[in-house]
């Protein structure tokens, strides 16, 4: 049952996100896909799987908070969340666009950001369990394929930020407290990718106690 839910979540989330033109809807559908990846760790049913799921939830929670925060900051005046609204945003709001780059690449699972190791540990837990005869390699393979699909629509978002010509050259500014808060979230996402071991050791200890 969990395997079926994981497959449906990954397929629905990624395929629906492919056709979205609204950034928030795209991120929302990608959240469904990430729920499918998390289920892979639950299906493994091991201590490693439990630690991987907790690590994934922490990394994904921070990354999604940052991504939605950047979108909200950039659209707080216009309220328009269409992808076209973000054309050339790297020139209009370079700092927030750089943060969006970090968050989007982490969601896509690009190393060395936290999102890469979150997926790696979840898939590794399933592969380890597969050695006991539960046949989870097909689910891991599907997860890798769906991750490649997600990379496409995440790159589309970045194309609008960094490649497309700006429809409005006016700079977009956000309050200092918002820039600072989102910057700290981005540092956490990068830190969990570069130094994942401390939090993983803590999670392993908690899981062992439970």
Protein backbone atom coordinates (compact mmCIF):
# COMPACT_ATOMS: atom_id res chain seq x y z
CA UNK A 1 0.00 0.00 0.00
CA UNK A 2 2.79 2.44 0.88
CA UNK A 3 4.62 1.54 -2.33
CA UNK A 4 1.50 2.32 -4.38
CA UNK A 5 1.09 5.63 -2.56
CA UNK A 6 4.76 6.45 -3.17
CA UNK A 7 4.46 5.70 -6.89
CA UNK A 8 1.26 7.73 -7.29
CA UNK A 9 2.71 10.64 -5.34
CA UNK A 10 5.89 10.77 -7.40
CA UNK A 11 4.03 10.44 -10.71
CA UNK A 12 1.21 12.86 -9.93
CA UNK A 13 3.42 15.46 -8.28
CA UNK A 14 6.11 15.58 -10.95
CA UNK A 15 3.90 15.25 -14.02
CA UNK A 16 1.46 17.89 -12.75
CA UNK A 17 4.32 20.25 -11.90
CA UNK A 18 5.61 19.98 -15.47
CA UNK A 19 2.62 21.89 -16.86
CA UNK A 20 2.31 24.58 -14.20
CA UNK A 21 2.81 28.26 -15.01
CA UNK A 22 2.20 29.46 -11.47
CA UNK A 23 5.29 29.15 -9.27
CA UNK A 24 3.39 28.41 -6.07
CA UNK A 25 1.34 25.70 -7.75
CA UNK A 26 4.53 24.24 -9.21
CA UNK A 27 6.09 24.11 -5.75
CA UNK A 28 2.89 22.66 -4.30
CA UNK A 29 2.79 19.82 -6.82
CA UNK A 30 6.48 19.17 -6.27
CA UNK A 31 5.63 18.79 -2.57
CA UNK A 32 3.41 15.85 -3.50
CA UNK A 33 6.36 14.29 -5.31
CA UNK A 34 8.61 14.80 -2.30
CA UNK A 35 6.04 13.02 -0.13
CA UNK A 36 6.55 10.04 -2.44
CA UNK A 37 10.30 10.10 -1.89
CA UNK A 38 9.75 10.24 1.88
CA UNK A 39 7.49 7.18 1.67
CA UNK A 40 10.40 5.21 0.19
CA UNK A 41 12.26 5.68 3.45
CA UNK A 42 9.22 4.60 5.44
CA UNK A 43 8.82 1.49 3.29
CA UNK A 44 12.40 0.48 4.09
CA UNK A 45 11.25 0.08 7.68
CA UNK A 46 14.75 0.19 9.17
CA UNK A 47 16.60 2.44 11.60
CA UNK A 48 18.48 3.92 8.64
CA UNK A 49 15.19 4.51 6.86
CA UNK A 50 13.72 6.28 9.90
CA UNK A 51 16.78 8.52 10.26
CA UNK A 52 16.72 9.25 6.52
CA UNK A 53 13.05 10.22 6.66
CA UNK A 54 13.61 12.59 9.59
CA UNK A 55 16.61 14.14 7.83
CA UNK A 56 14.55 14.52 4.64
CA UNK A 57 11.71 16.22 6.51
CA UNK A 58 14.11 18.70 8.13
CA UNK A 59 15.91 19.54 4.88
CA UNK A 60 12.75 19.70 2.80
CA UNK A 61 10.93 21.79 5.40
CA UNK A 62 13.71 24.39 5.39
CA UNK A 63 14.08 24.36 1.61
CA UNK A 64 10.37 24.69 0.95
CA UNK A 65 10.08 27.44 3.55
CA UNK A 66 12.84 29.32 1.77
CA UNK A 67 11.43 28.83 -1.73
CA UNK A 68 7.92 29.93 -0.78
CA UNK A 69 9.42 32.79 1.21
CA UNK A 70 11.34 34.10 -1.80
CA UNK A 71 8.26 33.86 -4.01
CA UNK A 72 6.18 35.72 -1.41
CA UNK A 73 8.86 38.41 -1.05
CA UNK A 74 9.11 38.95 -4.80
CA UNK A 75 5.34 39.08 -5.32
CA UNK A 76 4.31 40.95 -2.18
CA UNK A 77 3.44 44.06 -4.22
CA UNK A 78 2.22 42.65 -7.53
CA UNK A 79 0.61 39.46 -6.20
CA UNK A 80 1.32 37.86 -9.59
CA UNK A 81 2.89 34.41 -9.21
CA UNK A 82 3.05 33.50 -12.90
CA UNK A 83 6.44 32.34 -14.14
CA UNK A 84 6.60 35.26 -16.58
CA UNK A 85 6.54 37.61 -13.61
CA UNK A 86 9.99 36.35 -12.62
CA UNK A 87 11.67 37.00 -15.98
CA UNK A 88 15.05 38.62 -15.45
CA UNK A 89 14.56 38.68 -11.69
CA UNK A 90 18.28 38.01 -11.19
CA UNK A 91 18.92 41.55 -12.40
CA UNK A 92 16.01 43.10 -10.51
CA UNK A 93 16.63 41.34 -7.19
CA UNK A 94 20.01 39.57 -7.28
CA UNK A 95 20.13 38.50 -3.62
CA UNK A 96 16.69 36.90 -3.49
CA UNK A 97 17.29 35.31 -6.89
CA UNK A 98 20.50 33.76 -5.59
CA UNK A 99 18.61 32.37 -2.60
CA UNK A 100 15.99 30.96 -4.97
CA UNK A 101 18.80 29.29 -6.91
CA UNK A 102 19.96 27.54 -3.73
CA UNK A 103 16.47 26.43 -2.75
CA UNK A 104 15.49 25.20 -6.20
CA UNK A 105 18.71 23.25 -6.70
CA UNK A 106 18.27 21.70 -3.26
CA UNK A 107 14.71 20.66 -4.17
CA UNK A 108 16.11 19.14 -7.35
CA UNK A 109 18.65 17.14 -5.33
CA UNK A 110 21.78 18.76 -6.71
CA UNK A 111 24.95 18.25 -4.61
CA UNK A 112 26.34 19.47 -2.32
CA UNK A 113 23.07 20.93 -1.03
CA UNK A 114 20.94 19.34 1.66
CA UNK A 115 18.33 18.07 -0.78
CA UNK A 116 20.87 15.80 -2.47
CA UNK A 117 21.83 14.00 0.73
CA UNK A 118 18.21 13.79 1.85
CA UNK A 119 17.34 11.81 -1.28
CA UNK A 120 20.59 9.87 -1.13
CA UNK A 121 19.96 8.57 2.39
CA UNK A 122 16.33 7.68 1.65
CA UNK A 123 17.32 5.75 -1.47
CA UNK A 124 20.26 4.15 0.37
CA UNK A 125 17.92 2.89 3.08
CA UNK A 126 15.70 1.25 0.46
CA UNK A 127 18.68 -0.30 -1.33
CA UNK A 128 19.96 -1.69 1.97
CA UNK A 129 16.56 -3.22 2.71
CA UNK A 130 16.44 -4.64 -0.82
CA UNK A 131 19.38 -6.88 0.12
CA UNK A 132 17.03 -8.71 2.51
CA UNK A 133 14.74 -9.70 -0.35
CA UNK A 134 12.00 -7.06 -0.25
CA UNK A 135 12.55 -5.95 -3.83
CA UNK A 136 12.69 -2.17 -3.42
CA UNK A 137 15.19 -1.44 -6.18
CA UNK A 138 12.40 -0.75 -8.67
CA UNK A 139 11.03 1.92 -6.35
CA UNK A 140 14.45 3.52 -6.01
CA UNK A 141 14.86 3.45 -9.80
CA UNK A 142 11.50 5.18 -10.22
CA UNK A 143 12.51 7.77 -7.63
CA UNK A 144 15.71 8.52 -9.55
CA UNK A 145 13.81 8.85 -12.84
CA UNK A 146 11.25 11.16 -11.25
CA UNK A 147 14.06 13.22 -9.74
CA UNK A 148 15.42 13.69 -13.25
CA UNK A 149 11.96 14.80 -14.40
CA UNK A 150 11.76 17.30 -11.56
CA UNK A 151 15.15 18.72 -12.55
CA UNK A 152 13.57 19.86 -15.83
CA UNK A 153 10.81 22.00 -14.32
CA UNK A 154 13.11 23.33 -11.62
CA UNK A 155 15.51 24.46 -14.35
CA UNK A 156 12.57 26.13 -16.13
CA UNK A 157 12.03 28.22 -13.01
CA UNK A 158 15.70 29.20 -12.94
CA UNK A 159 15.60 30.01 -16.65
CA UNK A 160 12.96 32.65 -15.97
CA UNK A 161 15.06 34.08 -13.14
CA UNK A 162 18.44 34.10 -14.88
CA UNK A 163 18.03 33.79 -18.65
CA UNK A 164 14.75 35.40 -19.75
CA UNK A 165 14.63 39.13 -20.41
CA UNK A 166 12.97 41.18 -17.71
CA UNK A 167 9.50 42.46 -18.60
CA UNK A 168 9.88 45.20 -15.98
CA UNK A 169 13.37 46.62 -15.29
CA UNK A 170 12.39 48.16 -11.95
CA UNK A 171 14.29 46.67 -9.00
CA UNK A 172 12.40 44.55 -6.49
CA UNK A 173 13.28 45.13 -2.85
CA UNK A 174 12.28 43.20 0.22
CA UNK A 175 12.51 44.25 3.89
CA UNK A 176 15.88 43.67 5.53
CA UNK A 177 14.43 41.28 8.11
CA UNK A 178 13.02 39.14 5.31
CA UNK A 179 16.33 39.06 3.44
CA UNK A 180 18.13 38.15 6.66
CA UNK A 181 15.67 35.41 7.58
CA UNK A 182 15.71 33.81 4.14
CA UNK A 183 19.50 34.10 4.03
CA UNK A 184 19.77 32.14 7.28
CA UNK A 185 17.47 29.46 5.90
CA UNK A 186 19.68 29.19 2.81
CA UNK A 187 22.78 28.84 5.01
CA UNK A 188 21.05 26.02 6.89
CA UNK A 189 20.22 24.24 3.63
CA UNK A 190 23.82 24.52 2.47
CA UNK A 191 25.15 23.52 5.89
CA UNK A 192 23.02 20.36 5.96
CA UNK A 193 24.51 19.43 2.60
CA UNK A 194 28.13 20.19 3.42
CA UNK A 195 28.05 18.93 7.01
CA UNK A 196 25.21 16.38 7.25
CA UNK A 197 26.91 14.10 9.75
CA UNK A 198 26.20 16.00 13.03
CA UNK A 199 22.43 16.08 12.48
CA UNK A 200 22.45 12.52 11.14
CA UNK A 201 24.34 11.31 14.22
CA UNK A 202 21.75 12.98 16.43
CA UNK A 203 18.86 11.47 14.45
CA UNK A 204 20.47 8.03 14.54
CA UNK A 205 20.80 8.34 18.31
CA UNK A 206 17.15 9.37 18.68
CA UNK A 207 15.97 6.52 16.46
CA UNK A 208 18.10 4.03 18.40
CA UNK A 209 16.54 5.25 21.66
CA UNK A 210 13.06 4.81 20.22
